[in-house]
Amino acid sequence: MTIKKELLEILACPKCKKSVELSDDDMWLACQECSLKYKIKDGIPVMLIDEASPL
């Protein structure tokens, strides 16, 4: 299951509030500004700073 384009356009990094990008494998949302990635679990992005991983 992939993220809809409309949702991706409004999602922002919870740490810096900049836009996020979908990874090529549709498993992560990445913030280039913070160098963090947020996992997508069952089609739902887990946008919690404590759950983020470094890029």
PDB file of N, CA and C in Angstrom:
ATOM      1  N   MET A   1       0.858  -1.177   0.000  1.00  0.00           N
ATOM      2  CA  MET A   1       0.000   0.000   0.000  1.00  0.00           C
ATOM      3  C   MET A   1       0.902   1.238   0.000  1.00  0.00           C
ATOM      4  N   THR A   2       0.621   2.154  -0.883  1.00  0.00           N
ATOM      5  CA  THR A   2       1.432   3.360  -0.994  1.00  0.00           C
ATOM      6  C   THR A   2       0.669   4.582  -0.469  1.00  0.00           C
ATOM      7  N   ILE A   3       1.398   5.611  -0.187  1.00  0.00           N
ATOM      8  CA  ILE A   3       0.825   6.862   0.312  1.00  0.00           C
ATOM      9  C   ILE A   3       0.213   7.628  -0.872  1.00  0.00           C
ATOM     10  N   LYS A   4      -0.971   8.135  -0.695  1.00  0.00           N
ATOM     11  CA  LYS A   4      -1.607   8.924  -1.752  1.00  0.00           C
ATOM     12  C   LYS A   4      -0.850  10.243  -1.932  1.00  0.00           C
ATOM     13  N   LYS A   5      -0.811  10.706  -3.173  1.00  0.00           N
ATOM     14  CA  LYS A   5      -0.102  11.939  -3.516  1.00  0.00           C
ATOM     15  C   LYS A   5      -0.623  13.128  -2.708  1.00  0.00           C
ATOM     16  N   GLU A   6      -1.937  13.180  -2.500  1.00  0.00           N
ATOM     17  CA  GLU A   6      -2.542  14.295  -1.763  1.00  0.00           C
ATOM     18  C   GLU A   6      -2.053  14.321  -0.311  1.00  0.00           C
ATOM     19  N   LEU A   7      -1.938  13.146   0.301  1.00  0.00           N
ATOM     20  CA  LEU A   7      -1.457  13.067   1.676  1.00  0.00           C
ATOM     21  C   LEU A   7       0.013  13.443   1.750  1.00  0.00           C
ATOM     22  N   LEU A   8       0.801  12.961   0.816  1.00  0.00           N
ATOM     23  CA  LEU A   8       2.227  13.263   0.804  1.00  0.00           C
ATOM     24  C   LEU A   8       2.476  14.769   0.691  1.00  0.00           C
ATOM     25  N   GLU A   9       1.631  15.459  -0.041  1.00  0.00           N
ATOM     26  CA  GLU A   9       1.788  16.905  -0.222  1.00  0.00           C
ATOM     27  C   GLU A   9       1.565  17.690   1.069  1.00  0.00           C
ATOM     28  N   ILE A  10       0.773  17.161   2.003  1.00  0.00           N
ATOM     29  CA  ILE A  10       0.498  17.910   3.233  1.00  0.00           C
ATOM     30  C   ILE A  10       1.309  17.427   4.437  1.00  0.00           C
ATOM     31  N   LEU A  11       1.962  16.266   4.310  1.00  0.00           N
ATOM     32  CA  LEU A  11       2.770  15.763   5.416  1.00  0.00           C
ATOM     33  C   LEU A  11       4.040  16.586   5.563  1.00  0.00           C
ATOM     34  N   ALA A  12       4.470  16.757   6.804  1.00  0.00           N
ATOM     35  CA  ALA A  12       5.704  17.493   7.088  1.00  0.00           C
ATOM     36  C   ALA A  12       6.450  16.794   8.212  1.00  0.00           C
ATOM     37  N   CYS A  13       7.733  16.988   8.234  1.00  0.00           N
ATOM     38  CA  CYS A  13       8.565  16.438   9.302  1.00  0.00           C
ATOM     39  C   CYS A  13       8.124  17.049  10.632  1.00  0.00           C
ATOM     40  N   PRO A  14       7.860  16.227  11.638  1.00  0.00           N
ATOM     41  CA  PRO A  14       7.420  16.786  12.918  1.00  0.00           C
ATOM     42  C   PRO A  14       8.519  17.544  13.660  1.00  0.00           C
ATOM     43  N   LYS A  15       9.770  17.323  13.297  1.00  0.00           N
ATOM     44  CA  LYS A  15      10.876  18.001  13.968  1.00  0.00           C
ATOM     45  C   LYS A  15      11.127  19.398  13.397  1.00  0.00           C
ATOM     46  N   CYS A  16      11.265  19.496  12.060  1.00  0.00           N
ATOM     47  CA  CYS A  16      11.629  20.788  11.456  1.00  0.00           C
ATOM     48  C   CYS A  16      10.495  21.427  10.652  1.00  0.00           C
ATOM     49  N   LYS A  17       9.417  20.678  10.426  1.00  0.00           N
ATOM     50  CA  LYS A  17       8.234  21.151   9.686  1.00  0.00           C
ATOM     51  C   LYS A  17       8.470  21.316   8.186  1.00  0.00           C
ATOM     52  N   LYS A  18       9.566  20.756   7.664  1.00  0.00           N
ATOM     53  CA  LYS A  18       9.837  20.785   6.224  1.00  0.00           C
ATOM     54  C   LYS A  18       9.147  19.592   5.565  1.00  0.00           C
ATOM     55  N   SER A  19       9.106  19.587   4.242  1.00  0.00           N
ATOM     56  CA  SER A  19       8.437  18.504   3.520  1.00  0.00           C
ATOM     57  C   SER A  19       9.236  17.203   3.616  1.00  0.00           C
ATOM     58  N   VAL A  20       8.529  16.099   3.442  1.00  0.00           N
ATOM     59  CA  VAL A  20       9.151  14.778   3.443  1.00  0.00           C
ATOM     60  C   VAL A  20       8.967  14.149   2.075  1.00  0.00           C
ATOM     61  N   GLU A  21       9.840  13.198   1.756  1.00  0.00           N
ATOM     62  CA  GLU A  21       9.795  12.524   0.471  1.00  0.00           C
ATOM     63  C   GLU A  21       9.606  11.032   0.698  1.00  0.00           C
ATOM     64  N   LEU A  22       8.887  10.394  -0.193  1.00  0.00           N
ATOM     65  CA  LEU A  22       8.659   8.965  -0.134  1.00  0.00           C
ATOM     66  C   LEU A  22       9.885   8.238  -0.680  1.00  0.00           C
ATOM     67  N   SER A  23      10.342   7.215   0.028  1.00  0.00           N
ATOM     68  CA  SER A  23      11.494   6.434  -0.431  1.00  0.00           C
ATOM     69  C   SER A  23      11.113   5.638  -1.680  1.00  0.00           C
ATOM     70  N   ASP A  24      12.120   5.185  -2.405  1.00  0.00           N
ATOM     71  CA  ASP A  24      11.884   4.427  -3.635  1.00  0.00           C
ATOM     72  C   ASP A  24      11.130   3.125  -3.382  1.00  0.00           C
ATOM     73  N   ASP A  25      11.331   2.531  -2.194  1.00  0.00           N
ATOM     74  CA  ASP A  25      10.672   1.260  -1.883  1.00  0.00           C
ATOM     75  C   ASP A  25       9.334   1.449  -1.146  1.00  0.00           C
ATOM     76  N   ASP A  26       8.893   2.697  -0.982  1.00  0.00           N
ATOM     77  CA  ASP A  26       7.616   3.034  -0.316  1.00  0.00           C
ATOM     78  C   ASP A  26       7.549   2.562   1.138  1.00  0.00           C
ATOM     79  N   MET A  27       8.705   2.404   1.781  1.00  0.00           N
ATOM     80  CA  MET A  27       8.751   1.928   3.164  1.00  0.00           C
ATOM     81  C   MET A  27       9.009   3.057   4.161  1.00  0.00           C
ATOM     82  N   TRP A  28       9.466   4.209   3.685  1.00  0.00           N
ATOM     83  CA  TRP A  28       9.880   5.306   4.564  1.00  0.00           C
ATOM     84  C   TRP A  28       9.476   6.648   3.980  1.00  0.00           C
ATOM     85  N   LEU A  29       9.296   7.624   4.875  1.00  0.00           N
ATOM     86  CA  LEU A  29       9.226   9.028   4.487  1.00  0.00           C
ATOM     87  C   LEU A  29      10.503   9.659   5.008  1.00  0.00           C
ATOM     88  N   ALA A  30      11.208  10.367   4.151  1.00  0.00           N
ATOM     89  CA  ALA A  30      12.504  10.916   4.514  1.00  0.00           C
ATOM     90  C   ALA A  30      12.473  12.433   4.559  1.00  0.00           C
ATOM     91  N   CYS A  31      13.128  12.978   5.580  1.00  0.00           N
ATOM     92  CA  CYS A  31      13.322  14.426   5.694  1.00  0.00           C
ATOM     93  C   CYS A  31      14.801  14.706   5.431  1.00  0.00           C
ATOM     94  N   GLN A  32      15.083  15.359   4.327  1.00  0.00           N
ATOM     95  CA  GLN A  32      16.465  15.672   3.978  1.00  0.00           C
ATOM     96  C   GLN A  32      17.046  16.738   4.911  1.00  0.00           C
ATOM     97  N   GLU A  33      16.214  17.620   5.411  1.00  0.00           N
ATOM     98  CA  GLU A  33      16.661  18.706   6.296  1.00  0.00           C
ATOM     99  C   GLU A  33      17.202  18.158   7.618  1.00  0.00           C
ATOM    100  N   CYS A  34      16.495  17.221   8.225  1.00  0.00           N
ATOM    101  CA  CYS A  34      16.878  16.655   9.529  1.00  0.00           C
ATOM    102  C   CYS A  34      17.679  15.362   9.404  1.00  0.00           C
ATOM    103  N   SER A  35      17.738  14.823   8.192  1.00  0.00           N
ATOM    104  CA  SER A  35      18.376  13.522   7.945  1.00  0.00           C
ATOM    105  C   SER A  35      17.725  12.423   8.777  1.00  0.00           C
ATOM    106  N   LEU A  36      16.396  12.453   8.807  1.00  0.00           N
ATOM    107  CA  LEU A  36      15.634  11.433   9.521  1.00  0.00           C
ATOM    108  C   LEU A  36      14.683  10.742   8.553  1.00  0.00           C
ATOM    109  N   LYS A  37      14.347   9.495   8.869  1.00  0.00           N
ATOM    110  CA  LYS A  37      13.345   8.779   8.085  1.00  0.00           C
ATOM    111  C   LYS A  37      12.300   8.212   9.020  1.00  0.00           C
ATOM    112  N   TYR A  38      11.068   8.217   8.536  1.00  0.00           N
ATOM    113  CA  TYR A  38       9.911   7.775   9.306  1.00  0.00           C
ATOM    114  C   TYR A  38       9.304   6.566   8.617  1.00  0.00           C
ATOM    115  N   LYS A  39       9.129   5.486   9.344  1.00  0.00           N
ATOM    116  CA  LYS A  39       8.619   4.234   8.795  1.00  0.00           C
ATOM    117  C   LYS A  39       7.137   4.358   8.436  1.00  0.00           C
ATOM    118  N   ILE A  40       6.752   3.650   7.386  1.00  0.00           N
ATOM    119  CA  ILE A  40       5.353   3.524   6.993  1.00  0.00           C
ATOM    120  C   ILE A  40       4.926   2.115   7.366  1.00  0.00           C
ATOM    121  N   LYS A  41       3.968   2.011   8.268  1.00  0.00           N
ATOM    122  CA  LYS A  41       3.523   0.705   8.756  1.00  0.00           C
ATOM    123  C   LYS A  41       2.066   0.497   8.360  1.00  0.00           C
ATOM    124  N   ASP A  42       1.807  -0.553   7.612  1.00  0.00           N
ATOM    125  CA  ASP A  42       0.455  -0.873   7.125  1.00  0.00           C
ATOM    126  C   ASP A  42      -0.187   0.310   6.408  1.00  0.00           C
ATOM    127  N   GLY A  43       0.621   1.040   5.638  1.00  0.00           N
ATOM    128  CA  GLY A  43       0.119   2.169   4.863  1.00  0.00           C
ATOM    129  C   GLY A  43      -0.043   3.457   5.648  1.00  0.00           C
ATOM    130  N   ILE A  44       0.364   3.441   6.925  1.00  0.00           N
ATOM    131  CA  ILE A  44       0.206   4.621   7.778  1.00  0.00           C
ATOM    132  C   ILE A  44       1.599   5.118   8.203  1.00  0.00           C
ATOM    133  N   PRO A  45       1.929   6.373   7.895  1.00  0.00           N
ATOM    134  CA  PRO A  45       3.227   6.893   8.308  1.00  0.00           C
ATOM    135  C   PRO A  45       3.280   7.101   9.824  1.00  0.00           C
ATOM    136  N   VAL A  46       4.353   6.630  10.432  1.00  0.00           N
ATOM    137  CA  VAL A  46       4.565   6.800  11.871  1.00  0.00           C
ATOM    138  C   VAL A  46       5.438   8.049  12.025  1.00  0.00           C
ATOM    139  N   MET A  47       4.789   9.192  12.184  1.00  0.00           N
ATOM    140  CA  MET A  47       5.478  10.479  12.202  1.00  0.00           C
ATOM    141  C   MET A  47       5.777  10.934  13.628  1.00  0.00           C
ATOM    142  N   LEU A  48       6.485  10.095  14.368  1.00  0.00           N
ATOM    143  CA  LEU A  48       6.898  10.403  15.732  1.00  0.00           C
ATOM    144  C   LEU A  48       8.415  10.560  15.755  1.00  0.00           C
ATOM    145  N   ILE A  49       8.891  11.648  16.316  1.00  0.00           N
ATOM    146  CA  ILE A  49      10.332  11.911  16.345  1.00  0.00           C
ATOM    147  C   ILE A  49      11.068  10.776  17.060  1.00  0.00           C
ATOM    148  N   ASP A  50      10.513  10.271  18.132  1.00  0.00           N
ATOM    149  CA  ASP A  50      11.152   9.190  18.879  1.00  0.00           C
ATOM    150  C   ASP A  50      11.232   7.882  18.096  1.00  0.00           C
ATOM    151  N   GLU A  51      10.394   7.725  17.090  1.00  0.00           N
ATOM    152  CA  GLU A  51      10.382   6.505  16.274  1.00  0.00           C
ATOM    153  C   GLU A  51      11.206   6.657  14.991  1.00  0.00           C
ATOM    154  N   ALA A  52      11.729   7.843  14.728  1.00  0.00           N
ATOM    155  CA  ALA A  52      12.485   8.107  13.508  1.00  0.00           C
ATOM    156  C   ALA A  52      13.854   7.437  13.570  1.00  0.00           C
ATOM    157  N   SER A  53      14.414   7.192  12.374  1.00  0.00           N
ATOM    158  CA  SER A  53      15.751   6.612  12.243  1.00  0.00           C
ATOM    159  C   SER A  53      16.603   7.570  11.432  1.00  0.00           C
ATOM    160  N   PRO A  54      17.921   7.546  11.630  1.00  0.00           N
ATOM    161  CA  PRO A  54      18.786   8.391  10.807  1.00  0.00           C
ATOM    162  C   PRO A  54      18.806   7.905   9.350  1.00  0.00           C
ATOM    163  N   LEU A  55      18.947   8.827   8.433  1.00  0.00           N
ATOM    164  CA  LEU A  55      19.026   8.458   7.005  1.00  0.00           C
ATOM    165  C   LEU A  55      20.315   7.733   6.711  1.00  0.00           C
TER     166      LEU A  55
END
